[in-house]
Amino acid sequence: MVRKRPSRHCLTCRRPTKSVTSFCADCRPADAIPLVSVVGGGLSFAGLTFTLTQARHLADTLHDAIDHQELQP
């Protein structure tokens, strides 16, 4: 059985959110990123654990998405 992440209230506006930063998408400051930690042979980020290969792929995908957004007018 998979347990769902509990909802909590945004630290700013008190709207319900499931974000690990405790801010909703509208109130989240740019520097409020989830902690990244090394867990065994992988990385834990935003409540998810990735193998090193998955973490590299995620980082490449995020980087490509940012580059693509910067190219758009």
PDB file of N, CA and C in Angstrom:
ATOM      1  N   MET A   1       0.843  -1.177   0.000  1.00  0.00           N
ATOM      2  CA  MET A   1       0.000   0.000   0.000  1.00  0.00           C
ATOM      3  C   MET A   1       0.889   1.240   0.000  1.00  0.00           C
ATOM      4  N   VAL A   2       0.567   2.193  -0.854  1.00  0.00           N
ATOM      5  CA  VAL A   2       1.340   3.425  -0.964  1.00  0.00           C
ATOM      6  C   VAL A   2       0.642   4.520  -0.167  1.00  0.00           C
ATOM      7  N   ARG A   3       1.416   5.163   0.704  1.00  0.00           N
ATOM      8  CA  ARG A   3       0.847   6.259   1.499  1.00  0.00           C
ATOM      9  C   ARG A   3       1.022   7.567   0.737  1.00  0.00           C
ATOM     10  N   LYS A   4      -0.029   8.352   0.678  1.00  0.00           N
ATOM     11  CA  LYS A   4       0.034   9.644   0.015  1.00  0.00           C
ATOM     12  C   LYS A   4       0.702  10.656   0.932  1.00  0.00           C
ATOM     13  N   ARG A   5       1.381  11.627   0.314  1.00  0.00           N
ATOM     14  CA  ARG A   5       1.992  12.699   1.090  1.00  0.00           C
ATOM     15  C   ARG A   5       0.881  13.554   1.691  1.00  0.00           C
ATOM     16  N   PRO A   6       0.942  13.834   2.988  1.00  0.00           N
ATOM     17  CA  PRO A   6      -0.126  14.622   3.606  1.00  0.00           C
ATOM     18  C   PRO A   6      -0.101  16.077   3.133  1.00  0.00           C
ATOM     19  N   SER A   7      -1.255  16.662   3.096  1.00  0.00           N
ATOM     20  CA  SER A   7      -1.361  18.074   2.736  1.00  0.00           C
ATOM     21  C   SER A   7      -1.008  18.925   3.952  1.00  0.00           C
ATOM     22  N   ARG A   8      -0.401  20.065   3.703  1.00  0.00           N
ATOM     23  CA  ARG A   8      -0.093  21.013   4.776  1.00  0.00           C
ATOM     24  C   ARG A   8      -0.456  22.398   4.273  1.00  0.00           C
ATOM     25  N   HIS A   9      -0.450  23.372   5.126  1.00  0.00           N
ATOM     26  CA  HIS A   9      -0.815  24.723   4.733  1.00  0.00           C
ATOM     27  C   HIS A   9       0.415  25.510   4.300  1.00  0.00           C
ATOM     28  N   CYS A  10       0.247  26.324   3.259  1.00  0.00           N
ATOM     29  CA  CYS A  10       1.308  27.207   2.784  1.00  0.00           C
ATOM     30  C   CYS A  10       1.722  28.133   3.926  1.00  0.00           C
ATOM     31  N   LEU A  11       3.020  28.358   4.041  1.00  0.00           N
ATOM     32  CA  LEU A  11       3.530  29.210   5.114  1.00  0.00           C
ATOM     33  C   LEU A  11       3.125  30.675   4.947  1.00  0.00           C
ATOM     34  N   THR A  12       2.757  31.078   3.735  1.00  0.00           N
ATOM     35  CA  THR A  12       2.403  32.467   3.464  1.00  0.00           C
ATOM     36  C   THR A  12       0.900  32.708   3.438  1.00  0.00           C
ATOM     37  N   CYS A  13       0.186  31.968   2.575  1.00  0.00           N
ATOM     38  CA  CYS A  13      -1.236  32.251   2.366  1.00  0.00           C
ATOM     39  C   CYS A  13      -2.166  31.234   3.028  1.00  0.00           C
ATOM     40  N   ARG A  14      -1.602  30.151   3.590  1.00  0.00           N
ATOM     41  CA  ARG A  14      -2.360  29.120   4.299  1.00  0.00           C
ATOM     42  C   ARG A  14      -3.192  28.218   3.378  1.00  0.00           C
ATOM     43  N   ARG A  15      -3.021  28.300   2.056  1.00  0.00           N
ATOM     44  CA  ARG A  15      -3.708  27.364   1.154  1.00  0.00           C
ATOM     45  C   ARG A  15      -3.106  25.980   1.310  1.00  0.00           C
ATOM     46  N   PRO A  16      -3.889  24.927   1.108  1.00  0.00           N
ATOM     47  CA  PRO A  16      -3.335  23.572   1.209  1.00  0.00           C
ATOM     48  C   PRO A  16      -2.303  23.313   0.106  1.00  0.00           C
ATOM     49  N   THR A  17      -1.218  22.661   0.461  1.00  0.00           N
ATOM     50  CA  THR A  17      -0.180  22.305  -0.507  1.00  0.00           C
ATOM     51  C   THR A  17       0.465  20.994  -0.091  1.00  0.00           C
ATOM     52  N   LYS A  18       0.994  20.275  -1.057  1.00  0.00           N
ATOM     53  CA  LYS A  18       1.732  19.047  -0.761  1.00  0.00           C
ATOM     54  C   LYS A  18       3.221  19.242  -1.014  1.00  0.00           C
ATOM     55  N   SER A  19       3.626  20.466  -1.244  1.00  0.00           N
ATOM     56  CA  SER A  19       5.016  20.781  -1.520  1.00  0.00           C
ATOM     57  C   SER A  19       5.896  20.511  -0.312  1.00  0.00           C
ATOM     58  N   VAL A  20       7.079  19.949  -0.561  1.00  0.00           N
ATOM     59  CA  VAL A  20       8.013  19.699   0.533  1.00  0.00           C
ATOM     60  C   VAL A  20       8.614  20.993   1.066  1.00  0.00           C
ATOM     61  N   THR A  21       8.494  22.083   0.313  1.00  0.00           N
ATOM     62  CA  THR A  21       9.002  23.376   0.779  1.00  0.00           C
ATOM     63  C   THR A  21       7.992  24.098   1.663  1.00  0.00           C
ATOM     64  N   SER A  22       6.778  23.595   1.758  1.00  0.00           N
ATOM     65  CA  SER A  22       5.676  24.190   2.541  1.00  0.00           C
ATOM     66  C   SER A  22       5.188  25.519   1.988  1.00  0.00           C
ATOM     67  N   PHE A  23       5.449  25.781   0.717  1.00  0.00           N
ATOM     68  CA  PHE A  23       4.908  26.950   0.030  1.00  0.00           C
ATOM     69  C   PHE A  23       4.071  26.471  -1.146  1.00  0.00           C
ATOM     70  N   CYS A  24       2.968  27.168  -1.454  1.00  0.00           N
ATOM     71  CA  CYS A  24       2.197  26.838  -2.653  1.00  0.00           C
ATOM     72  C   CYS A  24       2.956  27.389  -3.864  1.00  0.00           C
ATOM     73  N   ALA A  25       2.535  27.042  -5.061  1.00  0.00           N
ATOM     74  CA  ALA A  25       3.237  27.470  -6.269  1.00  0.00           C
ATOM     75  C   ALA A  25       3.244  28.990  -6.413  1.00  0.00           C
ATOM     76  N   ASP A  26       2.199  29.667  -5.965  1.00  0.00           N
ATOM     77  CA  ASP A  26       2.135  31.122  -6.082  1.00  0.00           C
ATOM     78  C   ASP A  26       3.044  31.844  -5.093  1.00  0.00           C
ATOM     79  N   CYS A  27       3.272  31.261  -3.926  1.00  0.00           N
ATOM     80  CA  CYS A  27       4.029  31.925  -2.854  1.00  0.00           C
ATOM     81  C   CYS A  27       5.480  31.473  -2.753  1.00  0.00           C
ATOM     82  N   ARG A  28       5.871  30.437  -3.472  1.00  0.00           N
ATOM     83  CA  ARG A  28       7.206  29.862  -3.324  1.00  0.00           C
ATOM     84  C   ARG A  28       8.285  30.838  -3.793  1.00  0.00           C
ATOM     85  N   PRO A  29       9.205  31.237  -2.904  1.00  0.00           N
ATOM     86  CA  PRO A  29      10.301  32.112  -3.324  1.00  0.00           C
ATOM     87  C   PRO A  29      11.282  31.350  -4.214  1.00  0.00           C
ATOM     88  N   ALA A  30      12.043  32.069  -5.008  1.00  0.00           N
ATOM     89  CA  ALA A  30      12.962  31.439  -5.958  1.00  0.00           C
ATOM     90  C   ALA A  30      14.027  30.597  -5.269  1.00  0.00           C
ATOM     91  N   ASP A  31      14.385  30.947  -4.043  1.00  0.00           N
ATOM     92  CA  ASP A  31      15.445  30.205  -3.367  1.00  0.00           C
ATOM     93  C   ASP A  31      14.920  29.075  -2.473  1.00  0.00           C
ATOM     94  N   ALA A  32      13.633  28.800  -2.515  1.00  0.00           N
ATOM     95  CA  ALA A  32      13.049  27.723  -1.696  1.00  0.00           C
ATOM     96  C   ALA A  32      12.999  26.436  -2.513  1.00  0.00           C
ATOM     97  N   ILE A  33      14.144  25.783  -2.625  1.00  0.00           N
ATOM     98  CA  ILE A  33      14.204  24.518  -3.352  1.00  0.00           C
ATOM     99  C   ILE A  33      14.326  23.389  -2.347  1.00  0.00           C
ATOM    100  N   PRO A  34      13.808  22.219  -2.669  1.00  0.00           N
ATOM    101  CA  PRO A  34      13.902  21.083  -1.751  1.00  0.00           C
ATOM    102  C   PRO A  34      15.360  20.650  -1.541  1.00  0.00           C
ATOM    103  N   LEU A  35      15.625  20.095  -0.395  1.00  0.00           N
ATOM    104  CA  LEU A  35      16.944  19.591  -0.051  1.00  0.00           C
ATOM    105  C   LEU A  35      17.295  18.401  -0.939  1.00  0.00           C
ATOM    106  N   VAL A  36      18.532  18.360  -1.393  1.00  0.00           N
ATOM    107  CA  VAL A  36      19.051  17.224  -2.140  1.00  0.00           C
ATOM    108  C   VAL A  36      20.037  16.515  -1.230  1.00  0.00           C
ATOM    109  N   SER A  37      19.841  15.214  -1.034  1.00  0.00           N
ATOM    110  CA  SER A  37      20.747  14.474  -0.164  1.00  0.00           C
ATOM    111  C   SER A  37      21.124  13.143  -0.795  1.00  0.00           C
ATOM    112  N   VAL A  38      22.310  12.647  -0.433  1.00  0.00           N
ATOM    113  CA  VAL A  38      22.801  11.360  -0.919  1.00  0.00           C
ATOM    114  C   VAL A  38      22.245  10.262  -0.030  1.00  0.00           C
ATOM    115  N   VAL A  39      21.602   9.279  -0.645  1.00  0.00           N
ATOM    116  CA  VAL A  39      21.006   8.160   0.093  1.00  0.00           C
ATOM    117  C   VAL A  39      21.530   6.879  -0.527  1.00  0.00           C
ATOM    118  N   GLY A  40      22.424   6.216   0.171  1.00  0.00           N
ATOM    119  CA  GLY A  40      22.986   4.972  -0.366  1.00  0.00           C
ATOM    120  C   GLY A  40      23.655   5.231  -1.701  1.00  0.00           C
ATOM    121  N   GLY A  41      23.179   4.583  -2.755  1.00  0.00           N
ATOM    122  CA  GLY A  41      23.743   4.747  -4.087  1.00  0.00           C
ATOM    123  C   GLY A  41      22.948   5.689  -4.956  1.00  0.00           C
ATOM    124  N   GLY A  42      22.150   6.565  -4.359  1.00  0.00           N
ATOM    125  CA  GLY A  42      21.329   7.468  -5.151  1.00  0.00           C
ATOM    126  C   GLY A  42      21.186   8.821  -4.501  1.00  0.00           C
ATOM    127  N   LEU A  43      20.262   9.607  -5.035  1.00  0.00           N
ATOM    128  CA  LEU A  43      19.989  10.944  -4.535  1.00  0.00           C
ATOM    129  C   LEU A  43      18.526  11.064  -4.163  1.00  0.00           C
ATOM    130  N   SER A  44      18.262  11.778  -3.103  1.00  0.00           N
ATOM    131  CA  SER A  44      16.894  12.047  -2.680  1.00  0.00           C
ATOM    132  C   SER A  44      16.608  13.516  -2.929  1.00  0.00           C
ATOM    133  N   PHE A  45      15.506  13.793  -3.622  1.00  0.00           N
ATOM    134  CA  PHE A  45      15.127  15.159  -3.988  1.00  0.00           C
ATOM    135  C   PHE A  45      13.611  15.258  -3.985  1.00  0.00           C
ATOM    136  N   ALA A  46      13.092  16.217  -3.272  1.00  0.00           N
ATOM    137  CA  ALA A  46      11.650  16.487  -3.230  1.00  0.00           C
ATOM    138  C   ALA A  46      10.845  15.258  -2.811  1.00  0.00           C
ATOM    139  N   GLY A  47      11.393  14.486  -1.890  1.00  0.00           N
ATOM    140  CA  GLY A  47      10.675  13.318  -1.398  1.00  0.00           C
ATOM    141  C   GLY A  47      10.776  12.098  -2.287  1.00  0.00           C
ATOM    142  N   LEU A  48      11.561  12.178  -3.365  1.00  0.00           N
ATOM    143  CA  LEU A  48      11.743  11.053  -4.279  1.00  0.00           C
ATOM    144  C   LEU A  48      13.205  10.634  -4.255  1.00  0.00           C
ATOM    145  N   THR A  49      13.463   9.347  -4.387  1.00  0.00           N
ATOM    146  CA  THR A  49      14.835   8.846  -4.440  1.00  0.00           C
ATOM    147  C   THR A  49      15.129   8.366  -5.849  1.00  0.00           C
ATOM    148  N   PHE A  50      16.252   8.841  -6.402  1.00  0.00           N
ATOM    149  CA  PHE A  50      16.651   8.510  -7.768  1.00  0.00           C
ATOM    150  C   PHE A  50      17.989   7.792  -7.756  1.00  0.00           C
ATOM    151  N   THR A  51      18.177   6.862  -8.708  1.00  0.00           N
ATOM    152  CA  THR A  51      19.508   6.311  -8.924  1.00  0.00           C
ATOM    153  C   THR A  51      20.354   7.427  -9.532  1.00  0.00           C
ATOM    154  N   LEU A  52      21.664   7.242  -9.572  1.00  0.00           N
ATOM    155  CA  LEU A  52      22.523   8.275 -10.148  1.00  0.00           C
ATOM    156  C   LEU A  52      22.200   8.523 -11.618  1.00  0.00           C
ATOM    157  N   THR A  53      21.891   7.474 -12.358  1.00  0.00           N
ATOM    158  CA  THR A  53      21.516   7.618 -13.768  1.00  0.00           C
ATOM    159  C   THR A  53      20.216   8.402 -13.903  1.00  0.00           C
ATOM    160  N   GLN A  54      19.231   8.092 -13.083  1.00  0.00           N
ATOM    161  CA  GLN A  54      17.960   8.824 -13.121  1.00  0.00           C
ATOM    162  C   GLN A  54      18.168  10.289 -12.733  1.00  0.00           C
ATOM    163  N   ALA A  55      19.010  10.542 -11.732  1.00  0.00           N
ATOM    164  CA  ALA A  55      19.265  11.908 -11.297  1.00  0.00           C
ATOM    165  C   ALA A  55      19.942  12.718 -12.401  1.00  0.00           C
ATOM    166  N   ARG A  56      20.894  12.106 -13.103  1.00  0.00           N
ATOM    167  CA  ARG A  56      21.551  12.799 -14.224  1.00  0.00           C
ATOM    168  C   ARG A  56      20.551  13.105 -15.330  1.00  0.00           C
ATOM    169  N   HIS A  57      19.682  12.145 -15.635  1.00  0.00           N
ATOM    170  CA  HIS A  57      18.678  12.354 -16.673  1.00  0.00           C
ATOM    171  C   HIS A  57      17.713  13.468 -16.269  1.00  0.00           C
ATOM    172  N   LEU A  58      17.301  13.494 -15.010  1.00  0.00           N
ATOM    173  CA  LEU A  58      16.424  14.554 -14.518  1.00  0.00           C
ATOM    174  C   LEU A  58      17.115  15.913 -14.636  1.00  0.00           C
ATOM    175  N   ALA A  59      18.386  15.988 -14.243  1.00  0.00           N
ATOM    176  CA  ALA A  59      19.132  17.247 -14.326  1.00  0.00           C
ATOM    177  C   ALA A  59      19.245  17.703 -15.780  1.00  0.00           C
ATOM    178  N   ASP A  60      19.536  16.787 -16.701  1.00  0.00           N
ATOM    179  CA  ASP A  60      19.622  17.141 -18.123  1.00  0.00           C
ATOM    180  C   ASP A  60      18.279  17.632 -18.646  1.00  0.00           C
ATOM    181  N   THR A  61      17.201  16.971 -18.250  1.00  0.00           N
ATOM    182  CA  THR A  61      15.860  17.356 -18.695  1.00  0.00           C
ATOM    183  C   THR A  61      15.488  18.744 -18.170  1.00  0.00           C
ATOM    184  N   LEU A  62      15.791  19.017 -16.907  1.00  0.00           N
ATOM    185  CA  LEU A  62      15.523  20.343 -16.343  1.00  0.00           C
ATOM    186  C   LEU A  62      16.335  21.418 -17.060  1.00  0.00           C
ATOM    187  N   HIS A  63      17.587  21.130 -17.315  1.00  0.00           N
ATOM    188  CA  HIS A  63      18.457  22.084 -18.007  1.00  0.00           C
ATOM    189  C   HIS A  63      17.937  22.359 -19.421  1.00  0.00           C
ATOM    190  N   ASP A  64      17.554  21.303 -20.142  1.00  0.00           N
ATOM    191  CA  ASP A  64      17.011  21.468 -21.499  1.00  0.00           C
ATOM    192  C   ASP A  64      15.719  22.276 -21.489  1.00  0.00           C
ATOM    193  N   ALA A  65      14.855  22.050 -20.508  1.00  0.00           N
ATOM    194  CA  ALA A  65      13.600  22.795 -20.420  1.00  0.00           C
ATOM    195  C   ALA A  65      13.864  24.283 -20.188  1.00  0.00           C
ATOM    196  N   ILE A  66      14.843  24.590 -19.350  1.00  0.00           N
ATOM    197  CA  ILE A  66      15.193  25.994 -19.093  1.00  0.00           C
ATOM    198  C   ILE A  66      15.770  26.626 -20.355  1.00  0.00           C
ATOM    199  N   ASP A  67      16.680  25.928 -21.041  1.00  0.00           N
ATOM    200  CA  ASP A  67      17.248  26.455 -22.289  1.00  0.00           C
ATOM    201  C   ASP A  67      16.160  26.688 -23.322  1.00  0.00           C
ATOM    202  N   HIS A  68      15.227  25.761 -23.434  1.00  0.00           N
ATOM    203  CA  HIS A  68      14.130  25.895 -24.412  1.00  0.00           C
ATOM    204  C   HIS A  68      13.266  27.107 -24.077  1.00  0.00           C
ATOM    205  N   GLN A  69      12.997  27.326 -22.798  1.00  0.00           N
ATOM    206  CA  GLN A  69      12.170  28.466 -22.361  1.00  0.00           C
ATOM    207  C   GLN A  69      12.870  29.778 -22.663  1.00  0.00           C
ATOM    208  N   GLU A  70      14.207  29.837 -22.493  1.00  0.00           N
ATOM    209  CA  GLU A  70      14.958  31.062 -22.740  1.00  0.00           C
ATOM    210  C   GLU A  70      14.984  31.422 -24.218  1.00  0.00           C
ATOM    211  N   LEU A  71      14.853  30.422 -25.097  1.00  0.00           N
ATOM    212  CA  LEU A  71      14.857  30.671 -26.520  1.00  0.00           C
ATOM    213  C   LEU A  71      13.519  31.185 -27.029  1.00  0.00           C
ATOM    214  N   GLN A  72      12.461  30.952 -26.286  1.00  0.00           N
ATOM    215  CA  GLN A  72      11.129  31.394 -26.697  1.00  0.00           C
ATOM    216  C   GLN A  72      10.985  32.902 -26.452  1.00  0.00           C
ATOM    217  N   PRO A  73      10.302  33.608 -27.359  1.00  0.00           N
ATOM    218  CA  PRO A  73      10.124  35.059 -27.155  1.00  0.00           C
ATOM    219  C   PRO A  73       9.204  35.372 -26.002  1.00  0.00           C
TER     220      PRO A  73
END
